[in-house]
C-alpha atoms as a PDB file:
ATOM      1  CA  UNK A   1     144.682 118.411 213.442  1.00  0.00           C
ATOM      2  CA  UNK A   2     140.981 119.224 212.744  1.00  0.00           C
ATOM      3  CA  UNK A   3     138.640 118.613 215.662  1.00  0.00           C
ATOM      4  CA  UNK A   4     135.778 116.308 214.683  1.00  0.00           C
ATOM      5  CA  UNK A   5     133.045 114.058 215.689  1.00  0.00           C
ATOM      6  CA  UNK A   6     130.205 112.206 215.005  1.00  0.00           C
ATOM      7  CA  UNK A   7     126.669 113.337 215.166  1.00  0.00           C
ATOM      8  CA  UNK A   8     123.403 111.656 214.615  1.00  0.00           C
ATOM      9  CA  UNK A   9     121.789 112.678 211.126  1.00  0.00           C
ATOM     10  CA  UNK A  10     119.570 115.593 210.975  1.00  0.00           C
ATOM     11  CA  UNK A  11     117.143 116.048 208.527  1.00  0.00           C
ATOM     12  CA  UNK A  12     119.517 118.820 206.419  1.00  0.00           C
ATOM     13  CA  UNK A  13     122.085 116.046 206.168  1.00  0.00           C
ATOM     14  CA  UNK A  14     119.509 113.952 204.261  1.00  0.00           C
ATOM     15  CA  UNK A  15     120.075 116.141 200.835  1.00  0.00           C
ATOM     16  CA  UNK A  16     123.376 116.541 201.310  1.00  0.00           C
ATOM     17  CA  UNK A  17     123.999 112.936 201.931  1.00  0.00           C
ATOM     18  CA  UNK A  18     121.617 111.803 198.860  1.00  0.00           C
ATOM     19  CA  UNK A  19     124.019 114.786 196.900  1.00  0.00           C
ATOM     20  CA  UNK A  20     127.292 112.894 198.011  1.00  0.00           C
ATOM     21  CA  UNK A  21     125.587 109.563 197.182  1.00  0.00           C
ATOM     22  CA  UNK A  22     125.604 111.071 193.159  1.00  0.00           C
ATOM     23  CA  UNK A  23     128.571 112.381 193.072  1.00  0.00           C
ATOM     24  CA  UNK A  24     131.472 110.404 191.329  1.00  0.00           C
ATOM     25  CA  UNK A  25     134.404 112.539 192.845  1.00  0.00           C
ATOM     26  CA  UNK A  26     132.806 111.914 196.504  1.00  0.00           C
ATOM     27  CA  UNK A  27     132.230 108.243 195.858  1.00  0.00           C
ATOM     28  CA  UNK A  28     135.553 107.388 194.331  1.00  0.00           C
ATOM     29  CA  UNK A  29     135.967 104.291 192.502  1.00  0.00           C
ATOM     30  CA  UNK A  30     134.612 101.877 195.091  1.00  0.00           C
ATOM     31  CA  UNK A  31     131.393 103.071 196.376  1.00  0.00           C
ATOM     32  CA  UNK A  32     128.256 102.477 194.496  1.00  0.00           C
ATOM     33  CA  UNK A  33     125.953 105.489 194.001  1.00  0.00           C
ATOM     34  CA  UNK A  34     122.556 105.524 195.867  1.00  0.00           C
ATOM     35  CA  UNK A  35     120.031 106.660 193.362  1.00  0.00           C
ATOM     36  CA  UNK A  36     116.837 106.380 195.297  1.00  0.00           C
ATOM     37  CA  UNK A  37     114.575 109.816 195.111  1.00  0.00           C
ATOM     38  CA  UNK A  38     115.420 112.403 197.793  1.00  0.00           C
ATOM     39  CA  UNK A  39     111.571 112.204 198.717  1.00  0.00           C
ATOM     40  CA  UNK A  40     111.825 108.438 199.304  1.00  0.00           C
ATOM     41  CA  UNK A  41     115.404 109.104 201.423  1.00  0.00           C
ATOM     42  CA  UNK A  42     113.338 112.076 203.687  1.00  0.00           C
ATOM     43  CA  UNK A  43     109.913 109.634 204.625  1.00  0.00           C
ATOM     44  CA  UNK A  44     112.451 106.805 205.529  1.00  0.00           C
ATOM     45  CA  UNK A  45     114.607 109.586 207.738  1.00  0.00           C
ATOM     46  CA  UNK A  46     111.443 110.874 209.186  1.00  0.00           C
ATOM     47  CA  UNK A  47     109.766 107.500 210.254  1.00  0.00           C
ATOM     48  CA  UNK A  48     113.266 106.367 211.972  1.00  0.00           C
ATOM     49  CA  UNK A  49     115.807 109.177 211.808  1.00  0.00           C
ATOM     50  CA  UNK A  50     118.332 106.586 210.451  1.00  0.00           C
ATOM     51  CA  UNK A  51     118.905 105.437 213.695  1.00  0.00           C
ATOM     52  CA  UNK A  52     117.836 101.741 213.553  1.00  0.00           C
ATOM     53  CA  UNK A  53     116.796  99.523 213.949  1.00  0.00           C
ATOM     54  CA  UNK A  54     118.772  98.181 210.518  1.00  0.00           C
ATOM     55  CA  UNK A  55     121.096 101.037 209.672  1.00  0.00           C
ATOM     56  CA  UNK A  56     122.549 103.574 212.001  1.00  0.00           C
ATOM     57  CA  UNK A  57     123.931 106.864 210.077  1.00  0.00           C
ATOM     58  CA  UNK A  58     126.142 109.810 211.414  1.00  0.00           C
ATOM     59  CA  UNK A  59     127.749 112.727 210.083  1.00  0.00           C
ATOM     60  CA  UNK A  60     131.019 113.485 210.861  1.00  0.00           C
ATOM     61  CA  UNK A  61     131.616 117.057 211.354  1.00  0.00           C
ATOM     62  CA  UNK A  62     134.128 119.645 212.976  1.00  0.00           C
ATOM     63  CA  UNK A  63     133.211 122.179 216.079  1.00  0.00           C
ATOM     64  CA  UNK A  64     131.700 124.758 213.564  1.00  0.00           C
ATOM     65  CA  UNK A  65     129.537 122.486 211.550  1.00  0.00           C
ATOM     66  CA  UNK A  66     131.523 121.672 208.651  1.00  0.00           C
ATOM     67  CA  UNK A  67     130.766 118.220 206.997  1.00  0.00           C
ATOM     68  CA  UNK A  68     133.582 116.062 206.754  1.00  0.00           C
ATOM     69  CA  UNK A  69     132.084 112.689 205.747  1.00  0.00           C
ATOM     70  CA  UNK A  70     129.582 110.370 206.948  1.00  0.00           C
ATOM     71  CA  UNK A  71     129.742 106.916 208.474  1.00  0.00           C
ATOM     72  CA  UNK A  72     126.972 104.079 208.641  1.00  0.00           C
ATOM     73  CA  UNK A  73     126.900 100.882 210.610  1.00  0.00           C
ATOM     74  CA  UNK A  74     124.577  97.718 210.713  1.00  0.00           C
ATOM     75  CA  UNK A  75     124.200  94.317 212.179  1.00  0.00           C
ATOM     76  CA  UNK A  76     125.787  91.981 209.461  1.00  0.00           C
ATOM     77  CA  UNK A  77     125.430  88.750 211.163  1.00  0.00           C
ATOM     78  CA  UNK A  78     121.851  87.047 211.578  1.00  0.00           C
ATOM     79  CA  UNK A  79     122.830  85.188 214.476  1.00  0.00           C
ATOM     80  CA  UNK A  80     125.649  86.959 216.410  1.00  0.00           C
ATOM     81  CA  UNK A  81     126.109  90.924 217.218  1.00  0.00           C
ATOM     82  CA  UNK A  82     128.591  91.544 214.586  1.00  0.00           C
ATOM     83  CA  UNK A  83     128.622  95.215 213.186  1.00  0.00           C
ATOM     84  CA  UNK A  84     129.828  96.056 209.664  1.00  0.00           C
ATOM     85  CA  UNK A  85     130.506  99.986 208.710  1.00  0.00           C
ATOM     86  CA  UNK A  86     131.277 101.853 205.757  1.00  0.00           C
ATOM     87  CA  UNK A  87     132.177 105.598 205.585  1.00  0.00           C
ATOM     88  CA  UNK A  88     133.034 108.154 203.247  1.00  0.00           C
ATOM     89  CA  UNK A  89     135.455 111.247 204.093  1.00  0.00           C
ATOM     90  CA  UNK A  90     134.632 113.826 201.146  1.00  0.00           C
ATOM     91  CA  UNK A  91     137.425 115.328 198.704  1.00  0.00           C
ATOM     92  CA  UNK A  92     138.705 118.295 200.478  1.00  0.00           C
ATOM     93  CA  UNK A  93     139.101 116.461 203.668  1.00  0.00           C
ATOM     94  CA  UNK A  94     141.274 113.609 202.139  1.00  0.00           C
ATOM     95  CA  UNK A  95     145.292 113.024 202.352  1.00  0.00           C
ATOM     96  CA  UNK A  96     145.363 115.266 205.445  1.00  0.00           C
ATOM     97  CA  UNK A  97     145.351 112.465 207.735  1.00  0.00           C
ATOM     98  CA  UNK A  98     141.713 112.817 208.544  1.00  0.00           C
ATOM     99  CA  UNK A  99     141.006 109.586 207.349  1.00  0.00           C
ATOM    100  CA  UNK A 100     142.377 107.608 209.939  1.00  0.00           C
ATOM    101  CA  UNK A 101     141.321 109.860 212.749  1.00  0.00           C
ATOM    102  CA  UNK A 102     137.639 109.117 211.442  1.00  0.00           C
ATOM    103  CA  UNK A 103     138.269 105.371 211.519  1.00  0.00           C
ATOM    104  CA  UNK A 104     139.226 105.324 215.142  1.00  0.00           C
ATOM    105  CA  UNK A 105     136.342 107.704 215.923  1.00  0.00           C
ATOM    106  CA  UNK A 106     133.845 105.151 214.124  1.00  0.00           C
ATOM    107  CA  UNK A 107     135.404 102.195 215.692  1.00  0.00           C
ATOM    108  CA  UNK A 108     135.489 103.719 219.420  1.00  0.00           C
ATOM    109  CA  UNK A 109     132.042 105.296 218.697  1.00  0.00           C
ATOM    110  CA  UNK A 110     130.490 101.804 218.038  1.00  0.00           C
ATOM    111  CA  UNK A 111     132.651  99.931 220.803  1.00  0.00           C
ATOM    112  CA  UNK A 112     131.256 102.424 223.091  1.00  0.00           C
ATOM    113  CA  UNK A 113     127.438 102.318 222.065  1.00  0.00           C
ATOM    114  CA  UNK A 114     127.028  98.893 221.569  1.00  0.00           C
ATOM    115  CA  UNK A 115     127.713  95.328 223.045  1.00  0.00           C
ATOM    116  CA  UNK A 116     129.076  93.975 219.925  1.00  0.00           C
ATOM    117  CA  UNK A 117     132.121  91.961 220.161  1.00  0.00           C
ATOM    118  CA  UNK A 118     133.453  92.209 216.582  1.00  0.00           C
ATOM    119  CA  UNK A 119     133.431  95.182 214.052  1.00  0.00           C
ATOM    120  CA  UNK A 120     134.179  95.058 210.681  1.00  0.00           C
ATOM    121  CA  UNK A 121     134.757  96.627 206.835  1.00  0.00           C
ATOM    122  CA  UNK A 122     135.297  95.707 203.484  1.00  0.00           C
ATOM    123  CA  UNK A 123     137.242  97.943 201.120  1.00  0.00           C
ATOM    124  CA  UNK A 124     138.335  96.940 197.347  1.00  0.00           C
ATOM    125  CA  UNK A 125     141.591  94.985 197.535  1.00  0.00           C
ATOM    126  CA  UNK A 126     143.203  97.928 195.810  1.00  0.00           C
ATOM    127  CA  UNK A 127     142.187 100.729 198.353  1.00  0.00           C
ATOM    128  CA  UNK A 128     145.736 101.115 199.606  1.00  0.00           C
ATOM    129  CA  UNK A 129     144.851 104.154 201.631  1.00  0.00           C
ATOM    130  CA  UNK A 130     142.226 102.329 203.541  1.00  0.00           C
ATOM    131  CA  UNK A 131     144.244  99.202 203.991  1.00  0.00           C
ATOM    132  CA  UNK A 132     147.132 101.348 205.693  1.00  0.00           C
ATOM    133  CA  UNK A 133     144.284 103.021 207.934  1.00  0.00           C
ATOM    134  CA  UNK A 134     143.125  99.419 209.303  1.00  0.00           C
ATOM    135  CA  UNK A 135     146.923  98.331 210.044  1.00  0.00           C
ATOM    136  CA  UNK A 136     147.056 102.059 211.973  1.00  0.00           C
ATOM    137  CA  UNK A 137     144.065 101.256 214.368  1.00  0.00           C
ATOM    138  CA  UNK A 138     144.172  97.898 214.441  1.00  0.00           C
ATOM    139  CA  UNK A 139     141.707  96.501 212.091  1.00  0.00           C
ATOM    140  CA  UNK A 140     143.249  93.073 210.872  1.00  0.00           C
ATOM    141  CA  UNK A 141     142.838  91.808 207.599  1.00  0.00           C
ATOM    142  CA  UNK A 142     141.515  88.456 207.591  1.00  0.00           C
ATOM    143  CA  UNK A 143     141.229  87.717 203.799  1.00  0.00           C
ATOM    144  CA  UNK A 144     139.865  88.368 200.255  1.00  0.00           C
ATOM    145  CA  UNK A 145     136.339  88.329 199.244  1.00  0.00           C
ATOM    146  CA  UNK A 146     136.654  87.165 195.585  1.00  0.00           C
ATOM    147  CA  UNK A 147     134.478  89.367 193.361  1.00  0.00           C
ATOM    148  CA  UNK A 148     132.525  90.862 195.973  1.00  0.00           C
ATOM    149  CA  UNK A 149     131.785  94.217 195.022  1.00  0.00           C
ATOM    150  CA  UNK A 150     130.140  95.716 191.825  1.00  0.00           C
ATOM    151  CA  UNK A 151     130.441  99.669 191.324  1.00  0.00           C
ATOM    152  CA  UNK A 152     128.981 100.473 187.594  1.00  0.00           C
ATOM    153  CA  UNK A 153     129.507  97.206 185.969  1.00  0.00           C
ATOM    154  CA  UNK A 154     133.001  96.378 187.592  1.00  0.00           C
ATOM    155  CA  UNK A 155     133.398  93.446 189.982  1.00  0.00           C
ATOM    156  CA  UNK A 156     136.072  94.072 192.665  1.00  0.00           C
ATOM    157  CA  UNK A 157     138.001  91.483 195.143  1.00  0.00           C
ATOM    158  CA  UNK A 158     137.700  93.083 198.639  1.00  0.00           C
ATOM    159  CA  UNK A 159     139.390  93.178 201.558  1.00  0.00           C
ATOM    160  CA  UNK A 160     137.582  91.836 204.759  1.00  0.00           C
ATOM    161  CA  UNK A 161     139.192  93.610 208.052  1.00  0.00           C
ATOM    162  CA  UNK A 162     137.795  93.313 211.831  1.00  0.00           C
ATOM    163  CA  UNK A 163     138.848  94.169 215.277  1.00  0.00           C
ATOM    164  CA  UNK A 164     137.720  92.585 218.302  1.00  0.00           C
ATOM    165  CA  UNK A 165     136.762  94.617 221.510  1.00  0.00           C
ATOM    166  CA  UNK A 166     139.648  92.901 223.282  1.00  0.00           C
ATOM    167  CA  UNK A 167     141.793  94.348 220.629  1.00  0.00           C
ATOM    168  CA  UNK A 168     140.322  97.714 220.898  1.00  0.00           C
ATOM    169  CA  UNK A 169     140.770  97.906 224.506  1.00  0.00           C
ATOM    170  CA  UNK A 170     144.568  97.594 224.270  1.00  0.00           C
END
């Protein structure tokens, strides 16, 4: 298994992110492109480093610096300290067991670096590989959000899943 870790975004990652977020092969069927101009993204990055206060970005990299994907998370509840995350593992690294390791790494990072009691994610109802990964890291399916996500002109039902801090500690 490839040793990999999450690191904060660096300026050079912004262009990579922009390229990934506009490549249908990388996005797959269930991720909406981010079509903001690169200059806008770079300006935002220079201001916040993409480390809060609203959203945090991390690159998933091998020890040799190879970028495998990225993760980001945000506070999803105005009144509670709940965190929702998203991630992309780029195609050359899919189907090799890295998705589950990546998912566990994200959950571990969120719980070890925040005081959040709940971490959640959504995925399209038809995204069987992700739902299988959720089960393997103890993310519990909580229900279906009907016609919750739009990609292109297509509406998708989504599954909502979460893991609580006490469940993560086990």
